Amino acid sequence: MFGVPRRLLIVLLALAIGGLFAAGLFVHGRLGGGLLLVTDAILITLTQTVWHGVNPRRRPIRVVIIAVIAAIAVVKLVQG
């Protein structure tokens, strides 16, 4: 896509999601919670896309990570 190697796109996507997650953690209030919810939505979408190819022993950790991010987002949204 766009003449960029696939591996580079994956790395750039991972960096973008990591940056969004970090911003969500460091920004206080509802904006931080919203950023974390967007991060969670992206991770859920990506996980659904590759779920069949993920080692079954590693699936629970993905679910736990998504749940923890969602919990942090809810706390930030409630605290305002």
PDB file of N, CA and C in Angstrom:
ATOM      1  N   MET A   1       0.842  -1.176   0.000  1.00  0.00           N
ATOM      2  CA  MET A   1       0.000   0.000   0.000  1.00  0.00           C
ATOM      3  C   MET A   1       0.888   1.241   0.000  1.00  0.00           C
ATOM      4  N   PHE A   2       0.660   2.136  -0.911  1.00  0.00           N
ATOM      5  CA  PHE A   2       1.387   3.397  -1.028  1.00  0.00           C
ATOM      6  C   PHE A   2       2.889   3.191  -1.203  1.00  0.00           C
ATOM      7  N   GLY A   3       3.324   2.019  -1.622  1.00  0.00           N
ATOM      8  CA  GLY A   3       4.733   1.754  -1.838  1.00  0.00           C
ATOM      9  C   GLY A   3       5.537   1.597  -0.563  1.00  0.00           C
ATOM     10  N   VAL A   4       4.865   1.443   0.586  1.00  0.00           N
ATOM     11  CA  VAL A   4       5.543   1.275   1.870  1.00  0.00           C
ATOM     12  C   VAL A   4       5.538  -0.210   2.220  1.00  0.00           C
ATOM     13  N   PRO A   5       6.678  -0.744   2.644  1.00  0.00           N
ATOM     14  CA  PRO A   5       6.719  -2.162   2.993  1.00  0.00           C
ATOM     15  C   PRO A   5       5.729  -2.498   4.113  1.00  0.00           C
ATOM     16  N   ARG A   6       5.142  -3.680   4.032  1.00  0.00           N
ATOM     17  CA  ARG A   6       4.123  -4.129   4.994  1.00  0.00           C
ATOM     18  C   ARG A   6       4.650  -4.084   6.423  1.00  0.00           C
ATOM     19  N   ARG A   7       5.868  -4.536   6.631  1.00  0.00           N
ATOM     20  CA  ARG A   7       6.435  -4.563   7.983  1.00  0.00           C
ATOM     21  C   ARG A   7       6.530  -3.146   8.571  1.00  0.00           C
ATOM     22  N   LEU A   8       6.876  -2.187   7.749  1.00  0.00           N
ATOM     23  CA  LEU A   8       6.958  -0.804   8.209  1.00  0.00           C
ATOM     24  C   LEU A   8       5.582  -0.284   8.599  1.00  0.00           C
ATOM     25  N   LEU A   9       4.558  -0.639   7.821  1.00  0.00           N
ATOM     26  CA  LEU A   9       3.198  -0.225   8.158  1.00  0.00           C
ATOM     27  C   LEU A   9       2.770  -0.794   9.511  1.00  0.00           C
ATOM     28  N   ILE A  10       3.129  -2.038   9.774  1.00  0.00           N
ATOM     29  CA  ILE A  10       2.786  -2.665  11.046  1.00  0.00           C
ATOM     30  C   ILE A  10       3.476  -1.945  12.197  1.00  0.00           C
ATOM     31  N   VAL A  11       4.745  -1.624  12.025  1.00  0.00           N
ATOM     32  CA  VAL A  11       5.490  -0.908  13.065  1.00  0.00           C
ATOM     33  C   VAL A  11       4.892   0.476  13.289  1.00  0.00           C
ATOM     34  N   LEU A  12       4.563   1.184  12.219  1.00  0.00           N
ATOM     35  CA  LEU A  12       3.973   2.517  12.349  1.00  0.00           C
ATOM     36  C   LEU A  12       2.608   2.458  13.029  1.00  0.00           C
ATOM     37  N   LEU A  13       1.825   1.443  12.703  1.00  0.00           N
ATOM     38  CA  LEU A  13       0.523   1.275  13.350  1.00  0.00           C
ATOM     39  C   LEU A  13       0.703   0.994  14.839  1.00  0.00           C
ATOM     40  N   ALA A  14       1.648   0.136  15.178  1.00  0.00           N
ATOM     41  CA  ALA A  14       1.908  -0.165  16.589  1.00  0.00           C
ATOM     42  C   ALA A  14       2.362   1.087  17.344  1.00  0.00           C
ATOM     43  N   LEU A  15       3.217   1.891  16.724  1.00  0.00           N
ATOM     44  CA  LEU A  15       3.664   3.133  17.356  1.00  0.00           C
ATOM     45  C   LEU A  15       2.512   4.116  17.538  1.00  0.00           C
ATOM     46  N   ALA A  16       1.644   4.197  16.552  1.00  0.00           N
ATOM     47  CA  ALA A  16       0.496   5.107  16.641  1.00  0.00           C
ATOM     48  C   ALA A  16      -0.449   4.681  17.767  1.00  0.00           C
ATOM     49  N   ILE A  17      -0.716   3.389  17.869  1.00  0.00           N
ATOM     50  CA  ILE A  17      -1.596   2.890  18.929  1.00  0.00           C
ATOM     51  C   ILE A  17      -0.929   3.073  20.287  1.00  0.00           C
ATOM     52  N   GLY A  18       0.356   2.823  20.360  1.00  0.00           N
ATOM     53  CA  GLY A  18       1.089   3.048  21.608  1.00  0.00           C
ATOM     54  C   GLY A  18       1.074   4.503  22.019  1.00  0.00           C
ATOM     55  N   GLY A  19       1.214   5.394  21.054  1.00  0.00           N
ATOM     56  CA  GLY A  19       1.154   6.827  21.349  1.00  0.00           C
ATOM     57  C   GLY A  19      -0.226   7.259  21.814  1.00  0.00           C
ATOM     58  N   LEU A  20      -1.243   6.716  21.190  1.00  0.00           N
ATOM     59  CA  LEU A  20      -2.617   7.013  21.595  1.00  0.00           C
ATOM     60  C   LEU A  20      -2.869   6.518  23.015  1.00  0.00           C
ATOM     61  N   PHE A  21      -2.374   5.326  23.325  1.00  0.00           N
ATOM     62  CA  PHE A  21      -2.513   4.766  24.668  1.00  0.00           C
ATOM     63  C   PHE A  21      -1.781   5.638  25.694  1.00  0.00           C
ATOM     64  N   ALA A  22      -0.549   6.014  25.390  1.00  0.00           N
ATOM     65  CA  ALA A  22       0.229   6.852  26.320  1.00  0.00           C
ATOM     66  C   ALA A  22      -0.458   8.200  26.533  1.00  0.00           C
ATOM     67  N   ALA A  23      -0.961   8.786  25.463  1.00  0.00           N
ATOM     68  CA  ALA A  23      -1.675  10.060  25.601  1.00  0.00           C
ATOM     69  C   ALA A  23      -2.898   9.887  26.490  1.00  0.00           C
ATOM     70  N   GLY A  24      -3.613   8.792  26.321  1.00  0.00           N
ATOM     71  CA  GLY A  24      -4.781   8.523  27.151  1.00  0.00           C
ATOM     72  C   GLY A  24      -4.430   8.376  28.613  1.00  0.00           C
ATOM     73  N   LEU A  25      -3.277   7.789  28.889  1.00  0.00           N
ATOM     74  CA  LEU A  25      -2.848   7.630  30.283  1.00  0.00           C
ATOM     75  C   LEU A  25      -2.447   8.958  30.911  1.00  0.00           C
ATOM     76  N   PHE A  26      -1.783   9.809  30.149  1.00  0.00           N
ATOM     77  CA  PHE A  26      -1.229  11.036  30.718  1.00  0.00           C
ATOM     78  C   PHE A  26      -2.185  12.225  30.695  1.00  0.00           C
ATOM     79  N   VAL A  27      -3.190  12.182  29.819  1.00  0.00           N
ATOM     80  CA  VAL A  27      -4.178  13.259  29.777  1.00  0.00           C
ATOM     81  C   VAL A  27      -5.239  12.956  30.821  1.00  0.00           C
ATOM     82  N   HIS A  28      -5.539  13.931  31.645  1.00  0.00           N
ATOM     83  CA  HIS A  28      -6.494  13.722  32.723  1.00  0.00           C
ATOM     84  C   HIS A  28      -7.924  13.945  32.252  1.00  0.00           C
ATOM     85  N   GLY A  29      -8.837  13.352  32.966  1.00  0.00           N
ATOM     86  CA  GLY A  29     -10.254  13.598  32.734  1.00  0.00           C
ATOM     87  C   GLY A  29     -10.842  12.826  31.577  1.00  0.00           C
ATOM     88  N   ARG A  30     -11.918  13.390  31.068  1.00  0.00           N
ATOM     89  CA  ARG A  30     -12.693  12.706  30.036  1.00  0.00           C
ATOM     90  C   ARG A  30     -11.940  12.559  28.720  1.00  0.00           C
ATOM     91  N   LEU A  31     -11.098  13.514  28.409  1.00  0.00           N
ATOM     92  CA  LEU A  31     -10.330  13.399  27.168  1.00  0.00           C
ATOM     93  C   LEU A  31      -9.411  12.179  27.226  1.00  0.00           C
ATOM     94  N   GLY A  32      -8.742  11.982  28.350  1.00  0.00           N
ATOM     95  CA  GLY A  32      -7.884  10.810  28.510  1.00  0.00           C
ATOM     96  C   GLY A  32      -8.676   9.523  28.426  1.00  0.00           C
ATOM     97  N   GLY A  33      -9.845   9.508  29.075  1.00  0.00           N
ATOM     98  CA  GLY A  33     -10.710   8.331  29.003  1.00  0.00           C
ATOM     99  C   GLY A  33     -11.176   8.062  27.588  1.00  0.00           C
ATOM    100  N   GLY A  34     -11.503   9.131  26.869  1.00  0.00           N
ATOM    101  CA  GLY A  34     -11.919   8.966  25.475  1.00  0.00           C
ATOM    102  C   GLY A  34     -10.812   8.415  24.594  1.00  0.00           C
ATOM    103  N   LEU A  35      -9.601   8.909  24.816  1.00  0.00           N
ATOM    104  CA  LEU A  35      -8.459   8.385  24.045  1.00  0.00           C
ATOM    105  C   LEU A  35      -8.235   6.904  24.332  1.00  0.00           C
ATOM    106  N   LEU A  36      -8.414   6.520  25.590  1.00  0.00           N
ATOM    107  CA  LEU A  36      -8.259   5.109  25.943  1.00  0.00           C
ATOM    108  C   LEU A  36      -9.368   4.256  25.335  1.00  0.00           C
ATOM    109  N   LEU A  37     -10.572   4.802  25.265  1.00  0.00           N
ATOM    110  CA  LEU A  37     -11.664   4.055  24.621  1.00  0.00           C
ATOM    111  C   LEU A  37     -11.410   3.881  23.128  1.00  0.00           C
ATOM    112  N   VAL A  38     -10.856   4.899  22.493  1.00  0.00           N
ATOM    113  CA  VAL A  38     -10.502   4.780  21.070  1.00  0.00           C
ATOM    114  C   VAL A  38      -9.411   3.726  20.901  1.00  0.00           C
ATOM    115  N   THR A  39      -8.420   3.756  21.790  1.00  0.00           N
ATOM    116  CA  THR A  39      -7.362   2.741  21.762  1.00  0.00           C
ATOM    117  C   THR A  39      -7.963   1.354  21.903  1.00  0.00           C
ATOM    118  N   ASP A  40      -8.872   1.203  22.850  1.00  0.00           N
ATOM    119  CA  ASP A  40      -9.517  -0.085  23.082  1.00  0.00           C
ATOM    120  C   ASP A  40     -10.296  -0.546  21.849  1.00  0.00           C
ATOM    121  N   ALA A  41     -11.015   0.369  21.226  1.00  0.00           N
ATOM    122  CA  ALA A  41     -11.788   0.011  20.031  1.00  0.00           C
ATOM    123  C   ALA A  41     -10.870  -0.470  18.905  1.00  0.00           C
ATOM    124  N   ILE A  42      -9.752   0.196  18.744  1.00  0.00           N
ATOM    125  CA  ILE A  42      -8.788  -0.221  17.718  1.00  0.00           C
ATOM    126  C   ILE A  42      -8.232  -1.601  18.042  1.00  0.00           C
ATOM    127  N   LEU A  43      -7.862  -1.819  19.306  1.00  0.00           N
ATOM    128  CA  LEU A  43      -7.327  -3.124  19.697  1.00  0.00           C
ATOM    129  C   LEU A  43      -8.359  -4.238  19.533  1.00  0.00           C
ATOM    130  N   ILE A  44      -9.600  -3.942  19.845  1.00  0.00           N
ATOM    131  CA  ILE A  44     -10.662  -4.941  19.664  1.00  0.00           C
ATOM    132  C   ILE A  44     -10.808  -5.292  18.186  1.00  0.00           C
ATOM    133  N   THR A  45     -10.800  -4.285  17.337  1.00  0.00           N
ATOM    134  CA  THR A  45     -10.927  -4.518  15.899  1.00  0.00           C
ATOM    135  C   THR A  45      -9.756  -5.346  15.371  1.00  0.00           C
ATOM    136  N   LEU A  46      -8.551  -4.981  15.774  1.00  0.00           N
ATOM    137  CA  LEU A  46      -7.378  -5.736  15.326  1.00  0.00           C
ATOM    138  C   LEU A  46      -7.392  -7.160  15.859  1.00  0.00           C
ATOM    139  N   THR A  47      -7.814  -7.330  17.098  1.00  0.00           N
ATOM    140  CA  THR A  47      -7.867  -8.662  17.688  1.00  0.00           C
ATOM    141  C   THR A  47      -8.888  -9.534  16.969  1.00  0.00           C
ATOM    142  N   GLN A  48     -10.040  -8.972  16.644  1.00  0.00           N
ATOM    143  CA  GLN A  48     -11.044  -9.734  15.895  1.00  0.00           C
ATOM    144  C   GLN A  48     -10.517 -10.146  14.531  1.00  0.00           C
ATOM    145  N   THR A  49      -9.718  -9.289  13.929  1.00  0.00           N
ATOM    146  CA  THR A  49      -9.187  -9.569  12.599  1.00  0.00           C
ATOM    147  C   THR A  49      -8.228 -10.753  12.609  1.00  0.00           C
ATOM    148  N   VAL A  50      -7.430 -10.880  13.662  1.00  0.00           N
ATOM    149  CA  VAL A  50      -6.394 -11.916  13.681  1.00  0.00           C
ATOM    150  C   VAL A  50      -6.685 -13.045  14.678  1.00  0.00           C
ATOM    151  N   TRP A  51      -7.873 -13.068  15.262  1.00  0.00           N
ATOM    152  CA  TRP A  51      -8.195 -14.010  16.330  1.00  0.00           C
ATOM    153  C   TRP A  51      -7.938 -15.469  15.932  1.00  0.00           C
ATOM    154  N   HIS A  52      -8.308 -15.844  14.736  1.00  0.00           N
ATOM    155  CA  HIS A  52      -8.142 -17.232  14.291  1.00  0.00           C
ATOM    156  C   HIS A  52      -6.671 -17.639  14.203  1.00  0.00           C
ATOM    157  N   GLY A  53      -5.781 -16.692  14.025  1.00  0.00           N
ATOM    158  CA  GLY A  53      -4.359 -17.000  13.889  1.00  0.00           C
ATOM    159  C   GLY A  53      -3.575 -16.898  15.185  1.00  0.00           C
ATOM    160  N   VAL A  54      -4.239 -16.469  16.256  1.00  0.00           N
ATOM    161  CA  VAL A  54      -3.556 -16.293  17.538  1.00  0.00           C
ATOM    162  C   VAL A  54      -3.506 -17.634  18.265  1.00  0.00           C
ATOM    163  N   ASN A  55      -2.347 -17.921  18.843  1.00  0.00           N
ATOM    164  CA  ASN A  55      -2.188 -19.132  19.648  1.00  0.00           C
ATOM    165  C   ASN A  55      -3.246 -19.128  20.748  1.00  0.00           C
ATOM    166  N   PRO A  56      -4.028 -20.203  20.880  1.00  0.00           N
ATOM    167  CA  PRO A  56      -5.095 -20.233  21.889  1.00  0.00           C
ATOM    168  C   PRO A  56      -4.615 -19.967  23.315  1.00  0.00           C
ATOM    169  N   ARG A  57      -3.372 -20.296  23.627  1.00  0.00           N
ATOM    170  CA  ARG A  57      -2.854 -20.031  24.976  1.00  0.00           C
ATOM    171  C   ARG A  57      -2.591 -18.544  25.185  1.00  0.00           C
ATOM    172  N   ARG A  58      -2.459 -17.777  24.121  1.00  0.00           N
ATOM    173  CA  ARG A  58      -2.184 -16.337  24.233  1.00  0.00           C
ATOM    174  C   ARG A  58      -3.446 -15.483  24.127  1.00  0.00           C
ATOM    175  N   ARG A  59      -4.556 -16.088  23.822  1.00  0.00           N
ATOM    176  CA  ARG A  59      -5.795 -15.324  23.681  1.00  0.00           C
ATOM    177  C   ARG A  59      -6.241 -14.670  24.988  1.00  0.00           C
ATOM    178  N   PRO A  60      -6.182 -15.368  26.113  1.00  0.00           N
ATOM    179  CA  PRO A  60      -6.655 -14.734  27.356  1.00  0.00           C
ATOM    180  C   PRO A  60      -5.900 -13.448  27.710  1.00  0.00           C
ATOM    181  N   ILE A  61      -4.609 -13.383  27.450  1.00  0.00           N
ATOM    182  CA  ILE A  61      -3.862 -12.178  27.796  1.00  0.00           C
ATOM    183  C   ILE A  61      -4.331 -10.997  26.953  1.00  0.00           C
ATOM    184  N   ARG A  62      -4.697 -11.246  25.708  1.00  0.00           N
ATOM    185  CA  ARG A  62      -5.234 -10.160  24.870  1.00  0.00           C
ATOM    186  C   ARG A  62      -6.541  -9.634  25.445  1.00  0.00           C
ATOM    187  N   VAL A  63      -7.380 -10.554  25.884  1.00  0.00           N
ATOM    188  CA  VAL A  63      -8.668 -10.149  26.473  1.00  0.00           C
ATOM    189  C   VAL A  63      -8.427  -9.365  27.760  1.00  0.00           C
ATOM    190  N   VAL A  64      -7.484  -9.808  28.572  1.00  0.00           N
ATOM    191  CA  VAL A  64      -7.186  -9.115  29.831  1.00  0.00           C
ATOM    192  C   VAL A  64      -6.663  -7.708  29.553  1.00  0.00           C
ATOM    193  N   ILE A  65      -5.781  -7.560  28.592  1.00  0.00           N
ATOM    194  CA  ILE A  65      -5.230  -6.239  28.262  1.00  0.00           C
ATOM    195  C   ILE A  65      -6.341  -5.296  27.818  1.00  0.00           C
ATOM    196  N   ILE A  66      -7.224  -5.779  26.969  1.00  0.00           N
ATOM    197  CA  ILE A  66      -8.340  -4.950  26.503  1.00  0.00           C
ATOM    198  C   ILE A  66      -9.247  -4.573  27.671  1.00  0.00           C
ATOM    199  N   ALA A  67      -9.507  -5.526  28.568  1.00  0.00           N
ATOM    200  CA  ALA A  67     -10.368  -5.251  29.724  1.00  0.00           C
ATOM    201  C   ALA A  67      -9.732  -4.239  30.676  1.00  0.00           C
ATOM    202  N   VAL A  68      -8.425  -4.333  30.883  1.00  0.00           N
ATOM    203  CA  VAL A  68      -7.739  -3.391  31.774  1.00  0.00           C
ATOM    204  C   VAL A  68      -7.775  -1.976  31.195  1.00  0.00           C
ATOM    205  N   ILE A  69      -7.528  -1.862  29.894  1.00  0.00           N
ATOM    206  CA  ILE A  69      -7.583  -0.542  29.261  1.00  0.00           C
ATOM    207  C   ILE A  69      -8.993   0.030  29.366  1.00  0.00           C
ATOM    208  N   ALA A  70     -10.010  -0.810  29.152  1.00  0.00           N
ATOM    209  CA  ALA A  70     -11.396  -0.348  29.272  1.00  0.00           C
ATOM    210  C   ALA A  70     -11.691   0.110  30.698  1.00  0.00           C
ATOM    211  N   ALA A  71     -11.193  -0.626  31.687  1.00  0.00           N
ATOM    212  CA  ALA A  71     -11.429  -0.260  33.086  1.00  0.00           C
ATOM    213  C   ALA A  71     -10.773   1.086  33.417  1.00  0.00           C
ATOM    214  N   ILE A  72      -9.559   1.281  32.963  1.00  0.00           N
ATOM    215  CA  ILE A  72      -8.872   2.559  33.207  1.00  0.00           C
ATOM    216  C   ILE A  72      -9.639   3.696  32.527  1.00  0.00           C
ATOM    217  N   ALA A  73     -10.127   3.440  31.312  1.00  0.00           N
ATOM    218  CA  ALA A  73     -10.892   4.464  30.596  1.00  0.00           C
ATOM    219  C   ALA A  73     -12.155   4.836  31.360  1.00  0.00           C
ATOM    220  N   VAL A  74     -12.853   3.843  31.879  1.00  0.00           N
ATOM    221  CA  VAL A  74     -14.080   4.113  32.622  1.00  0.00           C
ATOM    222  C   VAL A  74     -13.779   4.929  33.870  1.00  0.00           C
ATOM    223  N   VAL A  75     -12.711   4.576  34.576  1.00  0.00           N
ATOM    224  CA  VAL A  75     -12.333   5.335  35.783  1.00  0.00           C
ATOM    225  C   VAL A  75     -12.056   6.793  35.421  1.00  0.00           C
ATOM    226  N   LYS A  76     -11.320   7.013  34.338  1.00  0.00           N
ATOM    227  CA  LYS A  76     -11.014   8.384  33.920  1.00  0.00           C
ATOM    228  C   LYS A  76     -12.275   9.137  33.513  1.00  0.00           C
ATOM    229  N   LEU A  77     -13.185   8.454  32.851  1.00  0.00           N
ATOM    230  CA  LEU A  77     -14.427   9.104  32.430  1.00  0.00           C
ATOM    231  C   LEU A  77     -15.305   9.448  33.624  1.00  0.00           C
ATOM    232  N   VAL A  78     -15.364   8.579  34.606  1.00  0.00           N
ATOM    233  CA  VAL A  78     -16.201   8.812  35.793  1.00  0.00           C
ATOM    234  C   VAL A  78     -15.605   9.928  36.650  1.00  0.00           C
ATOM    235  N   GLN A  79     -14.291   9.934  36.794  1.00  0.00           N
ATOM    236  CA  GLN A  79     -13.654  10.962  37.612  1.00  0.00           C
ATOM    237  C   GLN A  79     -13.731  12.328  36.946  1.00  0.00           C
ATOM    238  N   GLY A  80     -13.860  12.302  35.616  1.00  0.00           N
ATOM    239  CA  GLY A  80     -14.009  13.558  34.883  1.00  0.00           C
ATOM    240  C   GLY A  80     -12.810  14.382  34.991  1.00  0.00           C
TER     241      GLY A  80
END
